[in-house]
């Protein structure tokens, strides 16, 4: 569950007028990087490069790094400060990554 801004700790417990259930598979790790506009980049985000390449971010466990991969699962990007813009993510905007 997400703790909403309306939540408060009162009388020894949390109170809130609404709860939002989160699908665990959609929780993504922050990469520590931002796009060219300063937007934080998370695992499973979809980015568009200056060359109009579309790629998604995933964790490369073998090399302990985040990488960008194409819809055909080809390695597109490895680096630190991408010159790309976050345009969505694979959960909310799957149509962007086809």
PDB file of N, CA and C in Angstrom:
ATOM      1  N   UNK A   1       0.825  -1.188   0.000  1.00  0.00           N
ATOM      2  CA  UNK A   1       0.000   0.000   0.000  1.00  0.00           C
ATOM      3  C   UNK A   1       0.866   1.246   0.000  1.00  0.00           C
ATOM      4  N   UNK A   2       0.349   2.286  -0.551  1.00  0.00           N
ATOM      5  CA  UNK A   2       1.015   3.579  -0.550  1.00  0.00           C
ATOM      6  C   UNK A   2       0.498   4.376   0.631  1.00  0.00           C
ATOM      7  N   UNK A   3       1.411   5.009   1.369  1.00  0.00           N
ATOM      8  CA  UNK A   3       0.983   5.907   2.423  1.00  0.00           C
ATOM      9  C   UNK A   3       0.671   7.244   1.764  1.00  0.00           C
ATOM     10  N   UNK A   4      -0.568   7.632   1.819  1.00  0.00           N
ATOM     11  CA  UNK A   4      -1.034   8.845   1.152  1.00  0.00           C
ATOM     12  C   UNK A   4      -0.749  10.074   2.013  1.00  0.00           C
ATOM     13  N   UNK A   5      -0.640  11.248   1.384  1.00  0.00           N
ATOM     14  CA  UNK A   5      -0.408  12.481   2.150  1.00  0.00           C
ATOM     15  C   UNK A   5      -1.473  12.744   3.203  1.00  0.00           C
ATOM     16  N   UNK A   6      -2.658  12.185   3.011  1.00  0.00           N
ATOM     17  CA  UNK A   6      -3.733  12.423   3.980  1.00  0.00           C
ATOM     18  C   UNK A   6      -3.606  11.543   5.223  1.00  0.00           C
ATOM     19  N   UNK A   7      -2.634  10.618   5.234  1.00  0.00           N
ATOM     20  CA  UNK A   7      -2.481   9.733   6.387  1.00  0.00           C
ATOM     21  C   UNK A   7      -1.831  10.463   7.550  1.00  0.00           C
ATOM     22  N   UNK A   8      -2.237  10.092   8.734  1.00  0.00           N
ATOM     23  CA  UNK A   8      -1.615  10.642   9.933  1.00  0.00           C
ATOM     24  C   UNK A   8      -1.588   9.568  11.011  1.00  0.00           C
ATOM     25  N   UNK A   9      -0.653   9.717  11.924  1.00  0.00           N
ATOM     26  CA  UNK A   9      -0.526   8.767  13.034  1.00  0.00           C
ATOM     27  C   UNK A   9      -1.232   9.381  14.227  1.00  0.00           C
ATOM     28  N   UNK A  10      -2.353   8.790  14.605  1.00  0.00           N
ATOM     29  CA  UNK A  10      -3.160   9.318  15.707  1.00  0.00           C
ATOM     30  C   UNK A  10      -3.573   8.206  16.643  1.00  0.00           C
ATOM     31  N   UNK A  11      -3.529   8.482  17.924  1.00  0.00           N
ATOM     32  CA  UNK A  11      -3.984   7.529  18.935  1.00  0.00           C
ATOM     33  C   UNK A  11      -3.342   6.159  18.774  1.00  0.00           C
ATOM     34  N   UNK A  12      -2.049   6.132  18.438  1.00  0.00           N
ATOM     35  CA  UNK A  12      -1.321   4.872  18.352  1.00  0.00           C
ATOM     36  C   UNK A  12      -1.506   4.103  17.069  1.00  0.00           C
ATOM     37  N   UNK A  13      -2.098   4.709  16.039  1.00  0.00           N
ATOM     38  CA  UNK A  13      -2.285   4.003  14.772  1.00  0.00           C
ATOM     39  C   UNK A  13      -2.450   4.951  13.608  1.00  0.00           C
ATOM     40  N   UNK A  14      -2.341   4.387  12.399  1.00  0.00           N
ATOM     41  CA  UNK A  14      -2.485   5.184  11.171  1.00  0.00           C
ATOM     42  C   UNK A  14      -3.955   5.349  10.838  1.00  0.00           C
ATOM     43  N   UNK A  15      -4.317   6.556  10.427  1.00  0.00           N
ATOM     44  CA  UNK A  15      -5.681   6.817   9.979  1.00  0.00           C
ATOM     45  C   UNK A  15      -5.627   7.377   8.565  1.00  0.00           C
ATOM     46  N   UNK A  16      -6.596   7.025   7.765  1.00  0.00           N
ATOM     47  CA  UNK A  16      -6.656   7.518   6.391  1.00  0.00           C
ATOM     48  C   UNK A  16      -8.053   7.273   5.860  1.00  0.00           C
ATOM     49  N   UNK A  17      -8.466   8.151   4.978  1.00  0.00           N
ATOM     50  CA  UNK A  17      -9.793   7.990   4.391  1.00  0.00           C
ATOM     51  C   UNK A  17      -9.760   7.149   3.123  1.00  0.00           C
ATOM     52  N   UNK A  18      -8.557   6.893   2.583  1.00  0.00           N
ATOM     53  CA  UNK A  18      -8.467   6.070   1.377  1.00  0.00           C
ATOM     54  C   UNK A  18      -7.169   5.268   1.378  1.00  0.00           C
ATOM     55  N   UNK A  19      -7.210   4.120   0.751  1.00  0.00           N
ATOM     56  CA  UNK A  19      -6.026   3.273   0.587  1.00  0.00           C
ATOM     57  C   UNK A  19      -5.854   3.010  -0.901  1.00  0.00           C
ATOM     58  N   UNK A  20      -4.603   2.872  -1.319  1.00  0.00           N
ATOM     59  CA  UNK A  20      -4.305   2.565  -2.704  1.00  0.00           C
ATOM     60  C   UNK A  20      -3.483   1.290  -2.743  1.00  0.00           C
ATOM     61  N   UNK A  21      -4.035   0.251  -3.333  1.00  0.00           N
ATOM     62  CA  UNK A  21      -3.311  -1.005  -3.431  1.00  0.00           C
ATOM     63  C   UNK A  21      -2.293  -0.919  -4.563  1.00  0.00           C
ATOM     64  N   UNK A  22      -1.114  -1.469  -4.307  1.00  0.00           N
ATOM     65  CA  UNK A  22      -0.032  -1.448  -5.281  1.00  0.00           C
ATOM     66  C   UNK A  22       0.259  -2.876  -5.722  1.00  0.00           C
ATOM     67  N   UNK A  23       0.425  -3.081  -7.017  1.00  0.00           N
ATOM     68  CA  UNK A  23       0.822  -4.383  -7.535  1.00  0.00           C
ATOM     69  C   UNK A  23       2.331  -4.511  -7.339  1.00  0.00           C
ATOM     70  N   UNK A  24       2.789  -5.460  -6.531  1.00  0.00           N
ATOM     71  CA  UNK A  24       4.220  -5.558  -6.213  1.00  0.00           C
ATOM     72  C   UNK A  24       5.132  -5.627  -7.438  1.00  0.00           C
ATOM     73  N   UNK A  25       4.676  -6.256  -8.529  1.00  0.00           N
ATOM     74  CA  UNK A  25       5.508  -6.397  -9.718  1.00  0.00           C
ATOM     75  C   UNK A  25       5.780  -5.065 -10.411  1.00  0.00           C
ATOM     76  N   UNK A  26       5.010  -4.018 -10.082  1.00  0.00           N
ATOM     77  CA  UNK A  26       5.184  -2.727 -10.741  1.00  0.00           C
ATOM     78  C   UNK A  26       6.080  -1.760  -9.956  1.00  0.00           C
ATOM     79  N   UNK A  27       6.570  -2.205  -8.804  1.00  0.00           N
ATOM     80  CA  UNK A  27       7.473  -1.356  -8.025  1.00  0.00           C
ATOM     81  C   UNK A  27       8.846  -1.416  -8.673  1.00  0.00           C
ATOM     82  N   UNK A  28       9.433  -0.251  -8.933  1.00  0.00           N
ATOM     83  CA  UNK A  28      10.695  -0.186  -9.669  1.00  0.00           C
ATOM     84  C   UNK A  28      11.755   0.562  -8.880  1.00  0.00           C
ATOM     85  N   UNK A  29      12.994   0.167  -9.082  1.00  0.00           N
ATOM     86  CA  UNK A  29      14.143   0.746  -8.394  1.00  0.00           C
ATOM     87  C   UNK A  29      14.613   2.026  -9.081  1.00  0.00           C
ATOM     88  N   UNK A  30      14.913   3.053  -8.295  1.00  0.00           N
ATOM     89  CA  UNK A  30      15.490   4.284  -8.821  1.00  0.00           C
ATOM     90  C   UNK A  30      16.917   3.991  -9.259  1.00  0.00           C
ATOM     91  N   UNK A  31      17.299   4.445 -10.454  1.00  0.00           N
ATOM     92  CA  UNK A  31      18.637   4.163 -10.995  1.00  0.00           C
ATOM     93  C   UNK A  31      19.714   5.086 -10.446  1.00  0.00           C
ATOM     94  N   UNK A  32      19.299   6.188  -9.837  1.00  0.00           N
ATOM     95  CA  UNK A  32      20.255   7.189  -9.397  1.00  0.00           C
ATOM     96  C   UNK A  32      20.553   8.213 -10.478  1.00  0.00           C
ATOM     97  N   UNK A  33      19.911   8.061 -11.641  1.00  0.00           N
ATOM     98  CA  UNK A  33      20.138   8.956 -12.780  1.00  0.00           C
ATOM     99  C   UNK A  33      18.885   9.777 -13.073  1.00  0.00           C
ATOM    100  N   UNK A  34      19.086  10.875 -13.779  1.00  0.00           N
ATOM    101  CA  UNK A  34      17.966  11.657 -14.275  1.00  0.00           C
ATOM    102  C   UNK A  34      18.090  11.791 -15.786  1.00  0.00           C
ATOM    103  N   UNK A  35      16.963  12.052 -16.439  1.00  0.00           N
ATOM    104  CA  UNK A  35      17.004  12.256 -17.883  1.00  0.00           C
ATOM    105  C   UNK A  35      17.475  13.676 -18.185  1.00  0.00           C
ATOM    106  N   UNK A  36      17.465  14.057 -19.450  1.00  0.00           N
ATOM    107  CA  UNK A  36      18.006  15.364 -19.828  1.00  0.00           C
ATOM    108  C   UNK A  36      17.158  16.519 -19.309  1.00  0.00           C
ATOM    109  N   UNK A  37      15.945  16.237 -18.832  1.00  0.00           N
ATOM    110  CA  UNK A  37      15.090  17.272 -18.250  1.00  0.00           C
ATOM    111  C   UNK A  37      15.117  17.254 -16.725  1.00  0.00           C
ATOM    112  N   UNK A  38      15.926  16.348 -16.157  1.00  0.00           N
ATOM    113  CA  UNK A  38      16.023  16.271 -14.708  1.00  0.00           C
ATOM    114  C   UNK A  38      15.025  15.333 -14.055  1.00  0.00           C
ATOM    115  N   UNK A  39      14.266  14.574 -14.848  1.00  0.00           N
ATOM    116  CA  UNK A  39      13.289  13.611 -14.330  1.00  0.00           C
ATOM    117  C   UNK A  39      14.025  12.352 -13.876  1.00  0.00           C
ATOM    118  N   UNK A  40      13.710  11.869 -12.679  1.00  0.00           N
ATOM    119  CA  UNK A  40      14.342  10.651 -12.178  1.00  0.00           C
ATOM    120  C   UNK A  40      14.016   9.464 -13.088  1.00  0.00           C
ATOM    121  N   UNK A  41      15.016   8.607 -13.301  1.00  0.00           N
ATOM    122  CA  UNK A  41      14.856   7.422 -14.139  1.00  0.00           C
ATOM    123  C   UNK A  41      14.770   6.192 -13.232  1.00  0.00           C
ATOM    124  N   UNK A  42      13.727   5.400 -13.440  1.00  0.00           N
ATOM    125  CA  UNK A  42      13.509   4.174 -12.679  1.00  0.00           C
ATOM    126  C   UNK A  42      13.588   2.973 -13.602  1.00  0.00           C
ATOM    127  N   UNK A  43      13.912   1.831 -13.014  1.00  0.00           N
ATOM    128  CA  UNK A  43      13.847   0.574 -13.751  1.00  0.00           C
ATOM    129  C   UNK A  43      12.437   0.465 -14.339  1.00  0.00           C
ATOM    130  N   UNK A  44      12.329  -0.025 -15.556  1.00  0.00           N
ATOM    131  CA  UNK A  44      11.070  -0.198 -16.295  1.00  0.00           C
ATOM    132  C   UNK A  44      10.534   1.084 -16.917  1.00  0.00           C
ATOM    133  N   UNK A  45      11.263   2.204 -16.800  1.00  0.00           N
ATOM    134  CA  UNK A  45      10.877   3.411 -17.519  1.00  0.00           C
ATOM    135  C   UNK A  45      11.180   3.237 -18.999  1.00  0.00           C
ATOM    136  N   UNK A  46      10.426   3.937 -19.829  1.00  0.00           N
ATOM    137  CA  UNK A  46      10.664   3.971 -21.273  1.00  0.00           C
ATOM    138  C   UNK A  46      11.217   5.346 -21.596  1.00  0.00           C
ATOM    139  N   UNK A  47      12.313   5.363 -22.343  1.00  0.00           N
ATOM    140  CA  UNK A  47      12.957   6.609 -22.712  1.00  0.00           C
ATOM    141  C   UNK A  47      13.045   6.746 -24.220  1.00  0.00           C
ATOM    142  N   UNK A  48      13.145   7.993 -24.672  1.00  0.00           N
ATOM    143  CA  UNK A  48      13.341   8.284 -26.083  1.00  0.00           C
ATOM    144  C   UNK A  48      14.630   9.088 -26.198  1.00  0.00           C
ATOM    145  N   UNK A  49      15.551   8.595 -27.034  1.00  0.00           N
ATOM    146  CA  UNK A  49      16.847   9.251 -27.193  1.00  0.00           C
ATOM    147  C   UNK A  49      16.749  10.414 -28.177  1.00  0.00           C
ATOM    148  N   UNK A  50      17.824  11.187 -28.242  1.00  0.00           N
ATOM    149  CA  UNK A  50      17.887  12.280 -29.210  1.00  0.00           C
ATOM    150  C   UNK A  50      17.855  11.766 -30.644  1.00  0.00           C
ATOM    151  N   UNK A  51      18.201  10.489 -30.844  1.00  0.00           N
ATOM    152  CA  UNK A  51      18.158   9.869 -32.169  1.00  0.00           C
ATOM    153  C   UNK A  51      16.827   9.165 -32.424  1.00  0.00           C
ATOM    154  N   UNK A  52      15.840   9.420 -31.547  1.00  0.00           N
ATOM    155  CA  UNK A  52      14.501   8.828 -31.615  1.00  0.00           C
ATOM    156  C   UNK A  52      14.478   7.326 -31.361  1.00  0.00           C
ATOM    157  N   UNK A  53      15.507   6.802 -30.703  1.00  0.00           N
ATOM    158  CA  UNK A  53      15.471   5.406 -30.284  1.00  0.00           C
ATOM    159  C   UNK A  53      14.599   5.313 -29.048  1.00  0.00           C
ATOM    160  N   UNK A  54      13.782   4.284 -28.996  1.00  0.00           N
ATOM    161  CA  UNK A  54      12.952   4.024 -27.826  1.00  0.00           C
ATOM    162  C   UNK A  54      13.585   2.855 -27.087  1.00  0.00           C
ATOM    163  N   UNK A  55      13.791   3.019 -25.787  1.00  0.00           N
ATOM    164  CA  UNK A  55      14.348   1.921 -25.000  1.00  0.00           C
ATOM    165  C   UNK A  55      13.783   1.940 -23.595  1.00  0.00           C
ATOM    166  N   UNK A  56      13.800   0.777 -22.961  1.00  0.00           N
ATOM    167  CA  UNK A  56      13.354   0.626 -21.581  1.00  0.00           C
ATOM    168  C   UNK A  56      14.569   0.320 -20.713  1.00  0.00           C
ATOM    169  N   UNK A  57      14.436   0.612 -19.442  1.00  0.00           N
ATOM    170  CA  UNK A  57      15.532   0.429 -18.500  1.00  0.00           C
ATOM    171  C   UNK A  57      15.290  -0.845 -17.702  1.00  0.00           C
ATOM    172  N   UNK A  58      16.332  -1.666 -17.591  1.00  0.00           N
ATOM    173  CA  UNK A  58      16.234  -2.854 -16.743  1.00  0.00           C
ATOM    174  C   UNK A  58      17.567  -3.083 -16.054  1.00  0.00           C
ATOM    175  N   UNK A  59      17.529  -3.896 -15.021  1.00  0.00           N
ATOM    176  CA  UNK A  59      18.725  -4.237 -14.264  1.00  0.00           C
ATOM    177  C   UNK A  59      19.442  -5.397 -14.932  1.00  0.00           C
ATOM    178  N   UNK A  60      20.732  -5.224 -15.160  1.00  0.00           N
ATOM    179  CA  UNK A  60      21.593  -6.260 -15.724  1.00  0.00           C
ATOM    180  C   UNK A  60      22.329  -6.898 -14.555  1.00  0.00           C
ATOM    181  N   UNK A  61      21.795  -7.982 -14.051  1.00  0.00           N
ATOM    182  CA  UNK A  61      22.345  -8.639 -12.863  1.00  0.00           C
ATOM    183  C   UNK A  61      23.755  -9.173 -13.093  1.00  0.00           C
ATOM    184  N   UNK A  62      24.027  -9.657 -14.289  1.00  0.00           N
ATOM    185  CA  UNK A  62      25.342 -10.234 -14.592  1.00  0.00           C
ATOM    186  C   UNK A  62      26.457  -9.195 -14.454  1.00  0.00           C
ATOM    187  N   UNK A  63      26.182  -7.953 -14.870  1.00  0.00           N
ATOM    188  CA  UNK A  63      27.192  -6.897 -14.834  1.00  0.00           C
ATOM    189  C   UNK A  63      26.916  -5.828 -13.774  1.00  0.00           C
ATOM    190  N   UNK A  64      25.879  -6.035 -12.960  1.00  0.00           N
ATOM    191  CA  UNK A  64      25.516  -5.129 -11.866  1.00  0.00           C
ATOM    192  C   UNK A  64      25.382  -3.683 -12.340  1.00  0.00           C
ATOM    193  N   UNK A  65      24.455  -3.476 -13.283  1.00  0.00           N
ATOM    194  CA  UNK A  65      24.241  -2.136 -13.825  1.00  0.00           C
ATOM    195  C   UNK A  65      22.853  -2.055 -14.443  1.00  0.00           C
ATOM    196  N   UNK A  66      22.376  -0.829 -14.628  1.00  0.00           N
ATOM    197  CA  UNK A  66      21.142  -0.610 -15.375  1.00  0.00           C
ATOM    198  C   UNK A  66      21.500  -0.435 -16.840  1.00  0.00           C
ATOM    199  N   UNK A  67      20.673  -0.995 -17.718  1.00  0.00           N
ATOM    200  CA  UNK A  67      20.902  -0.894 -19.160  1.00  0.00           C
ATOM    201  C   UNK A  67      19.610  -0.476 -19.845  1.00  0.00           C
ATOM    202  N   UNK A  68      19.741   0.000 -21.072  1.00  0.00           N
ATOM    203  CA  UNK A  68      18.585   0.288 -21.913  1.00  0.00           C
ATOM    204  C   UNK A  68      18.499  -0.778 -22.985  1.00  0.00           C
ATOM    205  N   UNK A  69      17.300  -1.294 -23.196  1.00  0.00           N
ATOM    206  CA  UNK A  69      17.118  -2.326 -24.207  1.00  0.00           C
ATOM    207  C   UNK A  69      15.927  -1.985 -25.089  1.00  0.00           C
ATOM    208  N   UNK A  70      15.997  -2.456 -26.324  1.00  0.00           N
ATOM    209  CA  UNK A  70      14.958  -2.168 -27.317  1.00  0.00           C
ATOM    210  C   UNK A  70      13.789  -3.137 -27.169  1.00  0.00           C
ATOM    211  N   UNK A  71      12.670  -2.873 -27.855  1.00  0.00           N
ATOM    212  CA  UNK A  71      11.552  -3.814 -27.843  1.00  0.00           C
ATOM    213  C   UNK A  71      11.931  -5.210 -28.343  1.00  0.00           C
ATOM    214  N   UNK A  72      13.006  -5.315 -29.134  1.00  0.00           N
ATOM    215  CA  UNK A  72      13.464  -6.626 -29.598  1.00  0.00           C
ATOM    216  C   UNK A  72      14.553  -7.196 -28.690  1.00  0.00           C
ATOM    217  N   UNK A  73      14.696  -6.600 -27.506  1.00  0.00           N
ATOM    218  CA  UNK A  73      15.624  -7.046 -26.459  1.00  0.00           C
ATOM    219  C   UNK A  73      17.096  -6.864 -26.825  1.00  0.00           C
ATOM    220  N   UNK A  74      17.388  -5.915 -27.703  1.00  0.00           N
ATOM    221  CA  UNK A  74      18.775  -5.595 -28.032  1.00  0.00           C
ATOM    222  C   UNK A  74      19.272  -4.519 -27.083  1.00  0.00           C
ATOM    223  N   UNK A  75      20.539  -4.625 -26.691  1.00  0.00           N
ATOM    224  CA  UNK A  75      21.154  -3.625 -25.835  1.00  0.00           C
ATOM    225  C   UNK A  75      21.267  -2.311 -26.605  1.00  0.00           C
ATOM    226  N   UNK A  76      20.704  -1.247 -26.058  1.00  0.00           N
ATOM    227  CA  UNK A  76      20.697   0.055 -26.722  1.00  0.00           C
ATOM    228  C   UNK A  76      21.589   1.052 -25.994  1.00  0.00           C
ATOM    229  N   UNK A  77      21.579   0.992 -24.671  1.00  0.00           N
ATOM    230  CA  UNK A  77      22.240   2.047 -23.916  1.00  0.00           C
ATOM    231  C   UNK A  77      22.914   1.503 -22.665  1.00  0.00           C
ATOM    232  N   UNK A  78      24.147   1.902 -22.456  1.00  0.00           N
ATOM    233  CA  UNK A  78      24.854   1.674 -21.194  1.00  0.00           C
ATOM    234  C   UNK A  78      25.610   2.960 -20.929  1.00  0.00           C
ATOM    235  N   UNK A  79      25.416   3.537 -19.793  1.00  0.00           N
ATOM    236  CA  UNK A  79      26.111   4.781 -19.499  1.00  0.00           C
ATOM    237  C   UNK A  79      25.618   5.413 -18.232  1.00  0.00           C
ATOM    238  N   UNK A  80      26.008   6.648 -18.024  1.00  0.00           N
ATOM    239  CA  UNK A  80      25.678   7.319 -16.780  1.00  0.00           C
ATOM    240  C   UNK A  80      24.602   8.388 -16.947  1.00  0.00           C
ATOM    241  N   UNK A  81      24.800   9.333 -17.806  1.00  0.00           N
ATOM    242  CA  UNK A  81      23.865  10.435 -17.955  1.00  0.00           C
ATOM    243  C   UNK A  81      23.261  10.396 -19.353  1.00  0.00           C
ATOM    244  N   UNK A  82      22.150   9.712 -19.530  1.00  0.00           N
ATOM    245  CA  UNK A  82      21.588   9.586 -20.874  1.00  0.00           C
ATOM    246  C   UNK A  82      21.051  10.901 -21.414  1.00  0.00           C
ATOM    247  N   UNK A  83      21.279  11.117 -22.686  1.00  0.00           N
ATOM    248  CA  UNK A  83      20.680  12.267 -23.371  1.00  0.00           C
ATOM    249  C   UNK A  83      19.369  11.787 -23.962  1.00  0.00           C
ATOM    250  N   UNK A  84      18.453  11.471 -23.063  1.00  0.00           N
ATOM    251  CA  UNK A  84      17.158  10.914 -23.436  1.00  0.00           C
ATOM    252  C   UNK A  84      16.113  11.485 -22.491  1.00  0.00           C
ATOM    253  N   UNK A  85      14.855  11.263 -22.844  1.00  0.00           N
ATOM    254  CA  UNK A  85      13.737  11.776 -22.058  1.00  0.00           C
ATOM    255  C   UNK A  85      12.829  10.621 -21.655  1.00  0.00           C
ATOM    256  N   UNK A  86      12.427  10.589 -20.389  1.00  0.00           N
ATOM    257  CA  UNK A  86      11.458   9.601 -19.927  1.00  0.00           C
ATOM    258  C   UNK A  86      10.123   9.931 -20.570  1.00  0.00           C
ATOM    259  N   UNK A  87       9.519   8.932 -21.240  1.00  0.00           N
ATOM    260  CA  UNK A  87       8.224   9.141 -21.898  1.00  0.00           C
ATOM    261  C   UNK A  87       7.130   8.256 -21.313  1.00  0.00           C
ATOM    262  N   UNK A  88       7.472   7.406 -20.360  1.00  0.00           N
ATOM    263  CA  UNK A  88       6.481   6.535 -19.743  1.00  0.00           C
ATOM    264  C   UNK A  88       7.162   5.368 -19.068  1.00  0.00           C
ATOM    265  N   UNK A  89       6.380   4.320 -18.813  1.00  0.00           N
ATOM    266  CA  UNK A  89       6.947   3.083 -18.265  1.00  0.00           C
ATOM    267  C   UNK A  89       6.210   1.890 -18.855  1.00  0.00           C
ATOM    268  N   UNK A  90       6.803   0.712 -18.710  1.00  0.00           N
ATOM    269  CA  UNK A  90       6.262  -0.467 -19.391  1.00  0.00           C
ATOM    270  C   UNK A  90       4.940  -0.958 -18.794  1.00  0.00           C
ATOM    271  N   UNK A  91       4.595  -0.498 -17.596  1.00  0.00           N
ATOM    272  CA  UNK A  91       3.344  -0.924 -16.975  1.00  0.00           C
ATOM    273  C   UNK A  91       2.168  -0.040 -17.388  1.00  0.00           C
ATOM    274  N   UNK A  92       2.378   1.279 -17.345  1.00  0.00           N
ATOM    275  CA  UNK A  92       1.297   2.214 -17.653  1.00  0.00           C
ATOM    276  C   UNK A  92       1.203   2.567 -19.132  1.00  0.00           C
ATOM    277  N   UNK A  93       2.307   2.398 -19.855  1.00  0.00           N
ATOM    278  CA  UNK A  93       2.352   2.799 -21.269  1.00  0.00           C
ATOM    279  C   UNK A  93       2.982   1.720 -22.152  1.00  0.00           C
ATOM    280  N   UNK A  94       2.505   0.485 -22.107  1.00  0.00           N
ATOM    281  CA  UNK A  94       3.136  -0.588 -22.888  1.00  0.00           C
ATOM    282  C   UNK A  94       3.121  -0.333 -24.387  1.00  0.00           C
ATOM    283  N   UNK A  95       2.143   0.447 -24.853  1.00  0.00           N
ATOM    284  CA  UNK A  95       2.052   0.750 -26.282  1.00  0.00           C
ATOM    285  C   UNK A  95       3.251   1.549 -26.787  1.00  0.00           C
ATOM    286  N   UNK A  96       3.942   2.244 -25.909  1.00  0.00           N
ATOM    287  CA  UNK A  96       5.134   3.014 -26.294  1.00  0.00           C
ATOM    288  C   UNK A  96       6.335   2.113 -26.562  1.00  0.00           C
ATOM    289  N   UNK A  97       6.244   0.870 -26.117  1.00  0.00           N
ATOM    290  CA  UNK A  97       7.391  -0.034 -26.204  1.00  0.00           C
ATOM    291  C   UNK A  97       7.077  -1.237 -27.077  1.00  0.00           C
ATOM    292  N   UNK A  98       6.450  -0.986 -28.217  1.00  0.00           N
ATOM    293  CA  UNK A  98       6.127  -2.082 -29.137  1.00  0.00           C
ATOM    294  C   UNK A  98       6.869  -1.904 -30.440  1.00  0.00           C
TER     295      UNK A  98
END
